[in-house]
Protein backbone atom coordinates (compact mmCIF):
# COMPACT_ATOMS: atom_id res chain seq x y z
CA UNK A 1 84.49 95.87 105.90
CA UNK A 2 84.02 98.45 103.17
CA UNK A 3 87.30 100.37 102.69
CA UNK A 4 87.31 104.14 103.16
CA UNK A 5 90.22 104.55 100.78
CA UNK A 6 90.82 102.68 97.55
CA UNK A 7 94.31 102.85 96.11
CA UNK A 8 94.39 103.44 92.36
CA UNK A 9 98.17 103.85 92.12
CA UNK A 10 100.84 103.47 94.80
CA UNK A 11 100.21 103.50 98.52
CA UNK A 12 101.61 101.92 101.64
CA UNK A 13 100.86 101.72 105.37
CA UNK A 14 100.23 105.29 106.62
CA UNK A 15 102.07 104.59 109.88
CA UNK A 16 103.82 101.61 111.49
CA UNK A 17 101.33 99.18 113.01
CA UNK A 18 98.27 100.97 111.61
CA UNK A 19 95.25 98.82 110.85
CA UNK A 20 94.29 98.53 107.21
CA UNK A 21 90.86 100.13 107.06
CA UNK A 22 91.62 100.79 103.41
CA UNK A 23 92.29 98.75 100.28
CA UNK A 24 95.69 97.18 99.70
CA UNK A 25 98.21 99.22 97.69
CA UNK A 26 98.88 98.85 93.98
CA UNK A 27 102.54 99.30 93.10
CA UNK A 28 103.53 102.05 90.70
CA UNK A 29 104.43 100.85 87.21
CA UNK A 30 105.49 103.26 84.47
CA UNK A 31 104.34 100.71 81.87
CA UNK A 32 100.74 101.43 82.93
CA UNK A 33 101.07 105.08 81.85
CA UNK A 34 101.50 106.76 78.50
CA UNK A 35 102.53 110.23 77.32
CA UNK A 36 100.27 112.91 75.86
CA UNK A 37 102.24 116.13 75.42
CA UNK A 38 101.74 119.22 73.26
CA UNK A 39 104.08 117.67 70.69
CA UNK A 40 100.95 116.25 69.07
CA UNK A 41 100.09 119.89 68.23
CA UNK A 42 103.58 120.97 67.25
CA UNK A 43 104.81 121.91 70.72
CA UNK A 44 108.05 121.03 72.49
CA UNK A 45 106.97 120.03 76.01
CA UNK A 46 107.81 116.61 77.38
CA UNK A 47 106.70 114.58 80.41
CA UNK A 48 107.56 111.30 82.13
CA UNK A 49 106.10 109.05 84.80
CA UNK A 50 109.20 107.70 86.52
CA UNK A 51 109.33 104.91 89.10
CA UNK A 52 112.79 104.89 90.66
CA UNK A 53 112.58 102.90 93.89
CA UNK A 54 112.87 99.11 93.81
CA UNK A 55 109.71 98.62 95.87
CA UNK A 56 107.68 100.75 93.44
CA UNK A 57 106.04 102.66 96.28
CA UNK A 58 106.71 106.14 94.84
CA UNK A 59 106.62 107.77 91.44
CA UNK A 60 107.54 111.09 89.87
CA UNK A 61 105.51 113.00 87.30
CA UNK A 62 108.20 115.21 85.81
CA UNK A 63 109.38 116.92 82.67
CA UNK A 64 109.75 120.28 80.97
CA UNK A 65 106.93 122.63 79.99
CA UNK A 66 107.82 124.74 76.95
CA UNK A 67 105.66 127.76 76.09
CA UNK A 68 107.82 129.42 73.44
CA UNK A 69 106.95 127.09 70.56
CA UNK A 70 103.17 127.59 70.79
CA UNK A 71 103.19 131.27 71.75
CA UNK A 72 102.50 131.00 75.47
CA UNK A 73 100.47 127.81 75.37
CA UNK A 74 101.69 124.36 76.31
CA UNK A 75 100.92 121.18 78.20
CA UNK A 76 102.64 117.99 79.26
CA UNK A 77 100.69 115.03 80.58
CA UNK A 78 100.67 111.36 81.48
CA UNK A 79 97.55 109.22 81.61
CA UNK A 80 96.59 105.63 82.31
CA UNK A 81 97.22 103.26 79.42
CA UNK A 82 94.33 101.42 77.79
CA UNK A 83 90.84 101.54 79.26
CA UNK A 84 90.14 101.41 82.98
CA UNK A 85 86.90 100.10 84.46
CA UNK A 86 86.63 101.91 87.80
CA UNK A 87 83.44 102.30 89.79
CA UNK A 88 84.13 105.20 92.15
CA UNK A 89 80.50 106.10 92.79
CA UNK A 90 80.69 105.14 96.47
CA UNK A 91 83.62 107.51 97.13
CA UNK A 92 83.76 111.26 97.72
CA UNK A 93 86.73 112.24 95.58
CA UNK A 94 90.35 111.62 94.64
CA UNK A 95 93.27 111.90 97.05
CA UNK A 96 96.75 112.76 95.76
CA UNK A 97 99.56 111.78 98.12
CA UNK A 98 102.54 114.10 97.61
CA UNK A 99 105.77 112.40 98.71
CA UNK A 100 108.84 113.83 100.43
CA UNK A 101 111.42 114.40 101.60
CA UNK A 102 111.97 117.31 99.23
CA UNK A 103 109.75 120.38 99.19
CA UNK A 104 107.20 120.25 96.39
CA UNK A 105 107.69 122.69 93.53
CA UNK A 106 104.55 124.72 94.29
CA UNK A 107 103.33 124.59 90.71
CA UNK A 108 99.76 124.19 89.56
CA UNK A 109 98.85 120.69 88.39
CA UNK A 110 95.72 119.13 86.94
CA UNK A 111 94.25 115.70 87.64
CA UNK A 112 92.01 114.48 84.83
CA UNK A 113 89.28 111.85 84.58
CA UNK A 114 87.40 110.50 81.57
CA UNK A 115 84.23 108.44 81.47
CA UNK A 116 84.24 108.08 77.68
CA UNK A 117 86.92 107.06 75.17
CA UNK A 118 85.99 107.41 71.51
CA UNK A 119 87.34 105.30 68.61
CA UNK A 120 90.57 106.68 67.09
CA UNK A 121 90.53 108.87 63.98
CA UNK A 122 91.38 107.50 60.55
CA UNK A 123 94.96 108.74 60.92
CA UNK A 124 95.31 106.75 64.14
CA UNK A 125 95.32 109.77 66.44
CA UNK A 126 93.04 109.89 69.45
CA UNK A 127 89.60 111.42 69.04
CA UNK A 128 89.01 114.28 71.46
CA UNK A 129 86.42 113.73 74.17
CA UNK A 130 85.30 115.48 77.34
CA UNK A 131 87.74 115.48 80.26
CA UNK A 132 86.95 116.26 83.87
CA UNK A 133 89.71 118.34 85.45
CA UNK A 134 90.58 119.39 88.99
CA UNK A 135 93.47 121.79 89.60
CA UNK A 136 95.71 121.71 92.66
CA UNK A 137 98.94 123.18 94.00
CA UNK A 138 101.48 120.99 95.81
CA UNK A 139 103.66 123.07 98.13
CA UNK A 140 105.02 120.36 100.46
CA UNK A 141 104.80 116.63 101.16
CA UNK A 142 101.28 115.79 102.31
CA UNK A 143 97.82 115.04 101.03
CA UNK A 144 95.50 116.81 98.65
CA UNK A 145 91.82 115.90 98.55
CA UNK A 146 89.96 116.64 95.34
CA UNK A 147 86.20 116.31 95.99
CA UNK A 148 84.02 115.53 93.00
CA UNK A 149 82.70 119.11 92.97
CA UNK A 150 86.24 120.28 92.14
CA UNK A 151 86.17 118.52 88.76
CA UNK A 152 85.08 120.69 85.83
CA UNK A 153 84.11 119.42 82.39
CA UNK A 154 86.43 120.57 79.58
CA UNK A 155 86.73 119.89 75.88
CA UNK A 156 90.16 120.46 74.31
CA UNK A 157 91.16 122.69 77.20
CA UNK A 158 88.00 124.81 77.32
CA UNK A 159 85.26 124.52 79.93
CA UNK A 160 82.09 122.82 78.76
CA UNK A 161 79.31 123.80 81.17
CA UNK A 162 76.61 121.93 79.22
CA UNK A 163 78.34 118.54 79.58
CA UNK A 164 76.40 115.71 81.15
CA UNK A 165 77.45 114.80 84.74
CA UNK A 166 80.58 112.72 85.25
CA UNK A 167 79.70 109.01 85.35
CA UNK A 168 81.56 107.99 88.51
CA UNK A 169 80.59 104.35 88.03
CA UNK A 170 82.40 104.20 84.71
CA UNK A 171 85.81 105.90 84.98
CA UNK A 172 87.91 104.85 81.99
CA UNK A 173 91.00 107.06 82.31
CA UNK A 174 92.97 108.97 84.92
CA UNK A 175 95.74 111.43 84.14
CA UNK A 176 98.12 114.09 85.44
CA UNK A 177 98.83 117.31 83.55
CA UNK A 178 101.15 120.29 83.75
CA UNK A 179 99.64 123.21 81.82
CA UNK A 180 100.95 126.69 81.08
CA UNK A 181 97.67 128.49 81.91
CA UNK A 182 98.48 131.01 79.17
CA UNK A 183 102.19 131.39 79.99
CA UNK A 184 101.57 131.60 83.76
CA UNK A 185 104.08 128.80 84.35
CA UNK A 186 106.78 127.03 82.36
CA UNK A 187 110.09 125.21 82.68
CA UNK A 188 111.04 122.10 84.62
CA UNK A 189 108.50 120.49 86.94
CA UNK A 190 108.44 117.48 89.26
CA UNK A 191 105.61 116.09 91.37
CA UNK A 192 106.68 113.25 93.68
CA UNK A 193 103.83 110.89 94.48
CA UNK A 194 103.20 108.25 97.11
CA UNK A 195 99.68 107.39 95.97
CA UNK A 196 96.59 108.31 94.01
CA UNK A 197 93.46 107.00 95.71
CA UNK A 198 89.71 107.34 95.85
CA UNK A 199 88.68 108.46 99.34
CA UNK A 200 85.50 108.38 101.36
CA UNK A 201 84.93 110.82 104.20
CA UNK A 202 84.11 109.34 107.61
CA UNK A 203 82.32 110.99 110.52
CA UNK A 204 84.53 112.45 113.22
CA UNK A 205 84.36 111.56 116.88
CA UNK A 206 85.99 112.98 120.00
CA UNK A 207 89.20 114.90 119.44
CA UNK A 208 89.11 114.11 115.75
CA UNK A 209 86.50 116.82 115.28
CA UNK A 210 89.13 119.40 116.17
CA UNK A 211 91.49 117.96 113.58
CA UNK A 212 88.79 118.01 110.90
CA UNK A 213 88.17 121.70 111.60
CA UNK A 214 91.71 122.43 110.43
CA UNK A 215 91.19 121.19 106.88
CA UNK A 216 92.62 123.71 104.42
CA UNK A 217 90.00 123.67 101.67
CA UNK A 218 89.47 126.69 99.47
CA UNK A 219 86.32 128.23 98.09
CA UNK A 220 86.07 126.78 94.60
CA UNK A 221 84.17 129.83 93.41
CA UNK A 222 86.98 132.14 94.45
CA UNK A 223 89.90 129.84 93.63
CA UNK A 224 90.14 127.26 90.89
CA UNK A 225 92.60 125.01 92.67
CA UNK A 226 92.78 122.98 95.87
CA UNK A 227 95.34 123.42 98.65
CA UNK A 228 96.73 120.66 100.81
CA UNK A 229 95.17 119.37 104.01
CA UNK A 230 96.94 120.31 107.22
CA UNK A 231 96.49 116.82 108.68
CA UNK A 232 97.80 113.55 107.23
CA UNK A 233 95.38 111.39 105.24
CA UNK A 234 95.67 108.44 107.63
CA UNK A 235 94.08 110.62 110.32
CA UNK A 236 91.11 111.26 108.07
CA UNK A 237 90.68 107.51 107.75
CA UNK A 238 91.34 106.43 111.33
CA UNK A 239 89.32 109.17 113.04
CA UNK A 240 86.16 107.18 112.40
CA UNK A 241 87.51 104.27 114.44
CA UNK A 242 89.34 105.79 117.44
């Protein structure tokens, strides 16, 4: 059976006794991530991808965003190490599972994708390439769906409307970023994660249609970030089968 959710990082059974209509989880491992903070441009921000539990089922993207050094600008990010080879063309977007039990910090985060990695510069530093970014706000434990239409092409932090479409069959990097948005936010941040997954929408039947009507999506033209769903992600998956 083709899975409706493919774990990229983390993940566990959504509820005791639930059938696995989705791919098996991949445990979190901080060694699979690397840092890319504004220190490469003279800034002072710092980020970490921390895996604290022994079962490696949860992770924390955390750190400190400094905006004073670069005059209001700043970013702190973690991204997958090396080069991925992900074909996500049969899915509808990325799902971010925000873990509890603590209330999320309510800050604005960015999930990034790349379909091209260029050779490094002569000085060994990474050559800039186009990133595809989707912004979201995590206010509480729960799920955030980022449909492909939410991802915008950027080059060195600026939108690039003339970029070619994202090659979903050739995803080479995935990352998480905390950005100042021109001094809009700063200071300590922490995003607790249960999973990052590619999801595929399924048709609703029976009472599930009522649950689907409660999805808390926002108009991407009016807002540049995604809010959390009101229903748990396992319901999105299982509604096609009950």
